[in-house]
PDB file of N, CA and C in Angstrom:
ATOM      1  N   MET A   1      88.800 297.380 213.648  1.00  0.00           N
ATOM      2  CA  MET A   1      87.580 297.119 214.682  1.00  0.00           C
ATOM      3  C   MET A   1      87.980 296.532 215.782  1.00  0.00           C
ATOM      4  N   ARG A   2      87.314 297.178 216.888  1.00  0.00           N
ATOM      5  CA  ARG A   2      87.758 296.446 218.129  1.00  0.00           C
ATOM      6  C   ARG A   2      86.896 295.683 218.986  1.00  0.00           C
ATOM      7  N   ARG A   3      86.923 294.466 219.497  1.00  0.00           N
ATOM      8  CA  ARG A   3      85.900 294.082 220.134  1.00  0.00           C
ATOM      9  C   ARG A   3      86.223 293.772 221.653  1.00  0.00           C
ATOM     10  N   MET A   4      84.978 294.124 222.466  1.00  0.00           N
ATOM     11  CA  MET A   4      85.211 294.167 224.150  1.00  0.00           C
ATOM     12  C   MET A   4      84.020 293.345 224.599  1.00  0.00           C
ATOM     13  N   GLU A   5      84.348 293.086 225.500  1.00  0.00           N
ATOM     14  CA  GLU A   5      83.347 292.398 225.940  1.00  0.00           C
ATOM     15  C   GLU A   5      82.873 293.046 227.720  1.00  0.00           C
ATOM     16  N   PHE A   6      81.548 292.848 227.945  1.00  0.00           N
ATOM     17  CA  PHE A   6      80.846 293.317 229.159  1.00  0.00           C
ATOM     18  C   PHE A   6      80.183 292.418 229.836  1.00  0.00           C
ATOM     19  N   LYS A   7      80.295 292.286 231.169  1.00  0.00           N
ATOM     20  CA  LYS A   7      79.364 291.594 231.880  1.00  0.00           C
ATOM     21  C   LYS A   7      77.924 292.255 232.194  1.00  0.00           C
ATOM     22  N   MET A   8      76.734 291.520 231.682  1.00  0.00           N
ATOM     23  CA  MET A   8      75.587 292.232 232.234  1.00  0.00           C
ATOM     24  C   MET A   8      74.713 291.076 233.423  1.00  0.00           C
ATOM     25  N   GLU A   9      74.185 291.956 234.224  1.00  0.00           N
ATOM     26  CA  GLU A   9      73.764 290.756 235.234  1.00  0.00           C
ATOM     27  C   GLU A   9      72.502 290.229 235.127  1.00  0.00           C
ATOM     28  N   ARG A  10      71.785 290.899 234.062  1.00  0.00           N
ATOM     29  CA  ARG A  10      70.513 290.345 233.984  1.00  0.00           C
ATOM     30  C   ARG A  10      70.266 290.637 232.507  1.00  0.00           C
ATOM     31  N   THR A  11      69.267 289.507 231.676  1.00  0.00           N
ATOM     32  CA  THR A  11      69.013 289.404 230.164  1.00  0.00           C
ATOM     33  C   THR A  11      68.041 290.350 229.999  1.00  0.00           C
ATOM     34  N   GLY A  12      67.774 291.059 228.890  1.00  0.00           N
ATOM     35  CA  GLY A  12      66.799 291.817 228.290  1.00  0.00           C
ATOM     36  C   GLY A  12      67.060 293.393 228.380  1.00  0.00           C
ATOM     37  N   VAL A  13      67.941 293.850 228.851  1.00  0.00           N
ATOM     38  CA  VAL A  13      68.756 295.423 229.222  1.00  0.00           C
ATOM     39  C   VAL A  13      69.338 295.473 227.885  1.00  0.00           C
ATOM     40  N   ILE A  14      70.205 294.772 227.099  1.00  0.00           N
ATOM     41  CA  ILE A  14      70.572 295.254 225.701  1.00  0.00           C
ATOM     42  C   ILE A  14      70.255 294.313 224.866  1.00  0.00           C
ATOM     43  N   GLN A  15      70.201 294.592 223.596  1.00  0.00           N
ATOM     44  CA  GLN A  15      69.604 293.525 222.341  1.00  0.00           C
ATOM     45  C   GLN A  15      70.956 293.697 221.471  1.00  0.00           C
ATOM     46  N   GLU A  16      70.971 292.535 220.878  1.00  0.00           N
ATOM     47  CA  GLU A  16      71.986 292.247 219.694  1.00  0.00           C
ATOM     48  C   GLU A  16      71.498 293.442 218.838  1.00  0.00           C
ATOM     49  N   GLY A  17      72.596 294.316 217.880  1.00  0.00           N
ATOM     50  CA  GLY A  17      72.312 295.217 217.244  1.00  0.00           C
ATOM     51  C   GLY A  17      72.151 296.511 217.378  1.00  0.00           C
ATOM     52  N   GLU A  18      72.079 296.750 218.948  1.00  0.00           N
ATOM     53  CA  GLU A  18      71.758 298.011 219.471  1.00  0.00           C
ATOM     54  C   GLU A  18      73.221 298.602 219.316  1.00  0.00           C
ATOM     55  N   HIS A  19      72.738 300.312 219.233  1.00  0.00           N
ATOM     56  CA  HIS A  19      74.127 300.753 219.237  1.00  0.00           C
ATOM     57  C   HIS A  19      74.254 301.318 220.465  1.00  0.00           C
ATOM     58  N   VAL A  20      75.337 301.258 221.218  1.00  0.00           N
ATOM     59  CA  VAL A  20      75.399 302.261 222.633  1.00  0.00           C
ATOM     60  C   VAL A  20      76.673 302.768 222.602  1.00  0.00           C
ATOM     61  N   THR A  21      76.554 303.658 223.925  1.00  0.00           N
ATOM     62  CA  THR A  21      77.686 304.428 224.277  1.00  0.00           C
ATOM     63  C   THR A  21      77.746 303.907 225.478  1.00  0.00           C
ATOM     64  N   VAL A  22      79.668 304.167 225.682  1.00  0.00           N
ATOM     65  CA  VAL A  22      80.198 303.947 227.294  1.00  0.00           C
ATOM     66  C   VAL A  22      80.626 305.211 227.711  1.00  0.00           C
ATOM     67  N   THR A  23      81.098 304.937 229.271  1.00  0.00           N
ATOM     68  CA  THR A  23      81.465 305.875 230.093  1.00  0.00           C
ATOM     69  C   THR A  23      82.900 305.054 230.603  1.00  0.00           C
ATOM     70  N   GLU A  24      83.718 306.096 230.633  1.00  0.00           N
ATOM     71  CA  GLU A  24      85.228 306.081 231.006  1.00  0.00           C
ATOM     72  C   GLU A  24      85.689 305.695 232.287  1.00  0.00           C
ATOM     73  N   GLY A  25      85.766 304.876 233.332  1.00  0.00           N
ATOM     74  CA  GLY A  25      85.814 305.132 235.047  1.00  0.00           C
ATOM     75  C   GLY A  25      87.176 304.459 235.016  1.00  0.00           C
ATOM     76  N   VAL A  26      87.626 305.633 235.807  1.00  0.00           N
ATOM     77  CA  VAL A  26      89.230 305.410 236.221  1.00  0.00           C
ATOM     78  C   VAL A  26      89.760 304.624 237.680  1.00  0.00           C
ATOM     79  N   LEU A  27      90.483 303.963 237.815  1.00  0.00           N
ATOM     80  CA  LEU A  27      91.339 303.317 239.111  1.00  0.00           C
ATOM     81  C   LEU A  27      92.394 304.062 239.177  1.00  0.00           C
ATOM     82  N   PRO A  28      92.982 303.405 240.183  1.00  0.00           N
ATOM     83  CA  PRO A  28      94.433 304.127 240.399  1.00  0.00           C
ATOM     84  C   PRO A  28      95.732 303.622 239.424  1.00  0.00           C
ATOM     85  N   THR A  29      95.430 302.605 238.616  1.00  0.00           N
ATOM     86  CA  THR A  29      96.301 302.057 237.535  1.00  0.00           C
ATOM     87  C   THR A  29      95.828 301.668 236.525  1.00  0.00           C
ATOM     88  N   SER A  30      94.408 301.796 236.033  1.00  0.00           N
ATOM     89  CA  SER A  30      93.665 301.090 235.330  1.00  0.00           C
ATOM     90  C   SER A  30      92.231 301.545 234.993  1.00  0.00           C
ATOM     91  N   TRP A  31      91.307 301.487 233.855  1.00  0.00           N
ATOM     92  CA  TRP A  31      90.557 301.887 233.485  1.00  0.00           C
ATOM     93  C   TRP A  31      89.549 301.105 233.046  1.00  0.00           C
ATOM     94  N   TYR A  32      88.042 301.257 233.254  1.00  0.00           N
ATOM     95  CA  TYR A  32      87.116 300.131 232.886  1.00  0.00           C
ATOM     96  C   TYR A  32      85.883 300.704 232.043  1.00  0.00           C
ATOM     97  N   TYR A  33      84.656 300.175 231.890  1.00  0.00           N
ATOM     98  CA  TYR A  33      83.858 300.929 230.690  1.00  0.00           C
ATOM     99  C   TYR A  33      82.957 300.441 231.206  1.00  0.00           C
ATOM    100  N   THR A  34      81.322 301.159 231.056  1.00  0.00           N
ATOM    101  CA  THR A  34      80.337 301.100 231.643  1.00  0.00           C
ATOM    102  C   THR A  34      79.408 301.276 230.289  1.00  0.00           C
ATOM    103  N   ILE A  35      78.482 300.526 229.730  1.00  0.00           N
ATOM    104  CA  ILE A  35      77.347 300.815 228.961  1.00  0.00           C
ATOM    105  C   ILE A  35      76.512 301.581 229.588  1.00  0.00           C
ATOM    106  N   ASP A  36      76.113 303.057 228.804  1.00  0.00           N
ATOM    107  CA  ASP A  36      75.230 303.623 229.469  1.00  0.00           C
ATOM    108  C   ASP A  36      73.725 303.172 229.062  1.00  0.00           C
ATOM    109  N   PRO A  37      72.759 303.467 230.111  1.00  0.00           N
ATOM    110  CA  PRO A  37      73.182 303.888 231.518  1.00  0.00           C
ATOM    111  C   PRO A  37      72.979 302.549 232.580  1.00  0.00           C
ATOM    112  N   SER A  38      74.263 302.219 232.733  1.00  0.00           N
ATOM    113  CA  SER A  38      74.827 301.511 233.950  1.00  0.00           C
ATOM    114  C   SER A  38      73.850 300.206 233.671  1.00  0.00           C
ATOM    115  N   ARG A  39      74.510 299.445 232.424  1.00  0.00           N
ATOM    116  CA  ARG A  39      73.483 298.223 231.786  1.00  0.00           C
ATOM    117  C   ARG A  39      74.374 297.095 231.898  1.00  0.00           C
ATOM    118  N   ALA A  40      75.967 297.197 231.633  1.00  0.00           N
ATOM    119  CA  ALA A  40      76.771 296.189 231.765  1.00  0.00           C
ATOM    120  C   ALA A  40      78.493 296.949 231.887  1.00  0.00           C
ATOM    121  N   MET A  41      79.210 296.238 232.615  1.00  0.00           N
ATOM    122  CA  MET A  41      80.298 296.550 232.947  1.00  0.00           C
ATOM    123  C   MET A  41      81.646 295.783 232.374  1.00  0.00           C
ATOM    124  N   SER A  42      82.706 296.287 231.690  1.00  0.00           N
ATOM    125  CA  SER A  42      83.953 295.962 231.403  1.00  0.00           C
ATOM    126  C   SER A  42      84.795 295.555 232.244  1.00  0.00           C
ATOM    127  N   ALA A  43      86.101 294.611 232.202  1.00  0.00           N
ATOM    128  CA  ALA A  43      86.956 294.172 232.963  1.00  0.00           C
ATOM    129  C   ALA A  43      87.755 295.253 232.838  1.00  0.00           C
ATOM    130  N   ASN A  44      88.985 295.756 233.945  1.00  0.00           N
ATOM    131  CA  ASN A  44      89.541 296.325 233.708  1.00  0.00           C
ATOM    132  C   ASN A  44      90.917 296.408 232.679  1.00  0.00           C
ATOM    133  N   TYR A  45      91.183 298.138 232.141  1.00  0.00           N
ATOM    134  CA  TYR A  45      92.300 297.648 231.127  1.00  0.00           C
ATOM    135  C   TYR A  45      93.109 298.595 231.214  1.00  0.00           C
ATOM    136  N   GLU A  46      94.634 298.368 231.110  1.00  0.00           N
ATOM    137  CA  GLU A  46      95.772 298.894 230.982  1.00  0.00           C
ATOM    138  C   GLU A  46      95.718 300.412 230.083  1.00  0.00           C
ATOM    139  N   LEU A  47      96.600 301.337 230.536  1.00  0.00           N
ATOM    140  CA  LEU A  47      96.591 302.419 229.544  1.00  0.00           C
ATOM    141  C   LEU A  47      96.721 302.129 227.967  1.00  0.00           C
ATOM    142  N   ARG A  48      97.702 301.546 227.889  1.00  0.00           N
ATOM    143  CA  ARG A  48      97.677 301.225 226.530  1.00  0.00           C
ATOM    144  C   ARG A  48      96.612 300.311 225.776  1.00  0.00           C
ATOM    145  N   GLU A  49      95.416 299.952 226.561  1.00  0.00           N
ATOM    146  CA  GLU A  49      94.464 299.183 226.272  1.00  0.00           C
ATOM    147  C   GLU A  49      93.341 300.697 226.243  1.00  0.00           C
ATOM    148  N   ARG A  50      93.158 301.335 226.283  1.00  0.00           N
ATOM    149  CA  ARG A  50      92.332 302.234 226.458  1.00  0.00           C
ATOM    150  C   ARG A  50      91.247 302.564 225.236  1.00  0.00           C
ATOM    151  N   LEU A  51      90.136 302.675 225.311  1.00  0.00           N
ATOM    152  CA  LEU A  51      89.091 302.954 223.552  1.00  0.00           C
ATOM    153  C   LEU A  51      89.322 304.017 223.581  1.00  0.00           C
ATOM    154  N   LYS A  52      89.494 304.189 222.259  1.00  0.00           N
ATOM    155  CA  LYS A  52      89.590 305.553 221.608  1.00  0.00           C
ATOM    156  C   LYS A  52      88.247 306.414 221.060  1.00  0.00           C
ATOM    157  N   THR A  53      87.468 305.484 221.180  1.00  0.00           N
ATOM    158  CA  THR A  53      85.892 306.267 220.739  1.00  0.00           C
ATOM    159  C   THR A  53      84.998 305.343 221.890  1.00  0.00           C
ATOM    160  N   ARG A  54      83.835 305.916 222.021  1.00  0.00           N
ATOM    161  CA  ARG A  54      82.994 305.999 222.998  1.00  0.00           C
ATOM    162  C   ARG A  54      81.405 304.925 222.453  1.00  0.00           C
ATOM    163  N   GLU A  55      81.583 304.914 221.339  1.00  0.00           N
ATOM    164  CA  GLU A  55      80.257 304.251 220.663  1.00  0.00           C
ATOM    165  C   GLU A  55      80.694 302.934 220.017  1.00  0.00           C
ATOM    166  N   GLY A  56      79.382 301.950 220.261  1.00  0.00           N
ATOM    167  CA  GLY A  56      79.481 301.006 219.136  1.00  0.00           C
ATOM    168  C   GLY A  56      78.463 300.304 218.968  1.00  0.00           C
ATOM    169  N   ASN A  57      78.595 299.017 218.413  1.00  0.00           N
ATOM    170  CA  ASN A  57      77.414 298.312 218.356  1.00  0.00           C
ATOM    171  C   ASN A  57      77.485 296.849 218.954  1.00  0.00           C
ATOM    172  N   VAL A  58      76.510 296.310 219.326  1.00  0.00           N
ATOM    173  CA  VAL A  58      76.030 295.000 220.194  1.00  0.00           C
ATOM    174  C   VAL A  58      76.344 293.886 219.207  1.00  0.00           C
ATOM    175  N   VAL A  59      77.301 293.182 218.886  1.00  0.00           N
ATOM    176  CA  VAL A  59      77.083 292.342 217.997  1.00  0.00           C
ATOM    177  C   VAL A  59      77.053 290.810 218.544  1.00  0.00           C
ATOM    178  N   ASN A  60      77.208 290.529 220.141  1.00  0.00           N
ATOM    179  CA  ASN A  60      76.779 289.027 220.720  1.00  0.00           C
ATOM    180  C   ASN A  60      76.179 289.221 222.032  1.00  0.00           C
ATOM    181  N   ILE A  61      75.345 288.428 222.424  1.00  0.00           N
ATOM    182  CA  ILE A  61      74.954 288.390 223.899  1.00  0.00           C
ATOM    183  C   ILE A  61      74.933 286.675 224.176  1.00  0.00           C
ATOM    184  N   GLU A  62      75.749 286.536 225.236  1.00  0.00           N
ATOM    185  CA  GLU A  62      76.109 285.142 225.536  1.00  0.00           C
ATOM    186  C   GLU A  62      75.720 284.683 227.047  1.00  0.00           C
ATOM    187  N   GLU A  63      75.048 283.734 227.122  1.00  0.00           N
ATOM    188  CA  GLU A  63      74.895 283.388 228.426  1.00  0.00           C
ATOM    189  C   GLU A  63      75.434 282.223 229.298  1.00  0.00           C
ATOM    190  N   ARG A  64      76.285 282.511 230.028  1.00  0.00           N
ATOM    191  CA  ARG A  64      77.345 281.821 230.736  1.00  0.00           C
ATOM    192  C   ARG A  64      76.695 281.062 232.020  1.00  0.00           C
ATOM    193  N   PRO A  65      77.729 280.402 232.687  1.00  0.00           N
ATOM    194  CA  PRO A  65      77.153 279.867 233.921  1.00  0.00           C
ATOM    195  C   PRO A  65      77.275 281.442 235.096  1.00  0.00           C
ATOM    196  N   GLN A  66      78.548 282.135 234.697  1.00  0.00           N
ATOM    197  CA  GLN A  66      78.584 283.672 235.493  1.00  0.00           C
ATOM    198  C   GLN A  66      77.877 284.720 235.121  1.00  0.00           C
ATOM    199  N   GLY A  67      77.141 284.483 234.187  1.00  0.00           N
ATOM    200  CA  GLY A  67      75.994 285.374 234.134  1.00  0.00           C
ATOM    201  C   GLY A  67      75.793 285.533 232.474  1.00  0.00           C
ATOM    202  N   TYR A  68      75.475 286.894 231.960  1.00  0.00           N
ATOM    203  CA  TYR A  68      75.567 287.498 230.661  1.00  0.00           C
ATOM    204  C   TYR A  68      76.247 288.166 230.033  1.00  0.00           C
ATOM    205  N   TYR A  69      77.033 288.113 228.957  1.00  0.00           N
ATOM    206  CA  TYR A  69      78.147 288.480 228.684  1.00  0.00           C
ATOM    207  C   TYR A  69      78.004 289.549 227.105  1.00  0.00           C
ATOM    208  N   VAL A  70      78.367 290.570 226.825  1.00  0.00           N
ATOM    209  CA  VAL A  70      78.032 291.229 225.854  1.00  0.00           C
ATOM    210  C   VAL A  70      78.945 291.851 225.219  1.00  0.00           C
ATOM    211  N   THR A  71      79.102 291.354 223.711  1.00  0.00           N
ATOM    212  CA  THR A  71      80.256 291.868 223.061  1.00  0.00           C
ATOM    213  C   THR A  71      79.945 292.843 222.149  1.00  0.00           C
ATOM    214  N   VAL A  72      80.656 294.219 222.353  1.00  0.00           N
ATOM    215  CA  VAL A  72      80.436 295.275 221.587  1.00  0.00           C
ATOM    216  C   VAL A  72      81.602 295.640 220.453  1.00  0.00           C
ATOM    217  N   GLU A  73      81.598 296.050 219.508  1.00  0.00           N
ATOM    218  CA  GLU A  73      82.362 296.167 218.400  1.00  0.00           C
ATOM    219  C   GLU A  73      82.320 297.960 218.053  1.00  0.00           C
ATOM    220  N   PHE A  74      83.886 298.415 218.350  1.00  0.00           N
ATOM    221  CA  PHE A  74      83.956 299.585 218.337  1.00  0.00           C
ATOM    222  C   PHE A  74      84.892 299.884 217.292  1.00  0.00           C
ATOM    223  N   ASP A  75      84.670 301.082 216.287  1.00  0.00           N
ATOM    224  CA  ASP A  75      85.361 301.425 215.014  1.00  0.00           C
ATOM    225  C   ASP A  75      86.435 302.481 215.935  1.00  0.00           C
ATOM    226  N   GLU A  76      87.640 301.725 215.407  1.00  0.00           N
ATOM    227  CA  GLU A  76      88.756 302.768 215.976  1.00  0.00           C
ATOM    228  C   GLU A  76      89.621 303.125 215.052  1.00  0.00           C
ATOM    229  N   GLN A  77      89.307 302.970 213.725  1.00  0.00           N
ATOM    230  CA  GLN A  77      90.335 303.190 212.721  1.00  0.00           C
ATOM    231  C   GLN A  77      90.515 304.391 212.133  1.00  0.00           C
ATOM    232  N   ASP A  78      89.057 305.227 212.238  1.00  0.00           N
ATOM    233  CA  ASP A  78      89.465 306.613 212.100  1.00  0.00           C
ATOM    234  C   ASP A  78      89.995 307.896 213.492  1.00  0.00           C
ATOM    235  N   CYS A  79      90.067 306.998 214.738  1.00  0.00           N
ATOM    236  CA  CYS A  79      90.094 307.599 215.877  1.00  0.00           C
ATOM    237  C   CYS A  79      91.699 308.093 215.921  1.00  0.00           C
ATOM    238  N   THR A  80      92.279 308.997 216.409  1.00  0.00           N
ATOM    239  CA  THR A  80      93.734 309.584 216.721  1.00  0.00           C
ATOM    240  C   THR A  80      93.865 309.285 218.260  1.00  0.00           C
TER     241      THR A  80
END
């Protein structure tokens, strides 16, 4: 299992336990992910850190001074 963190601007758009899909975005030297439909965004990741699957489950939502952070767990064990 792999966990990734996404930043969410406001509360209530995602719930813990929710099954989500993500879209991969491409920058010149990195990749980022957005929880569909544009509810939260990840940090940038290098090639070796790219996701192998596009579906996961929300396991935690945390409020910090910088905003709301969503932790999503992805099952990459069966992906090649």
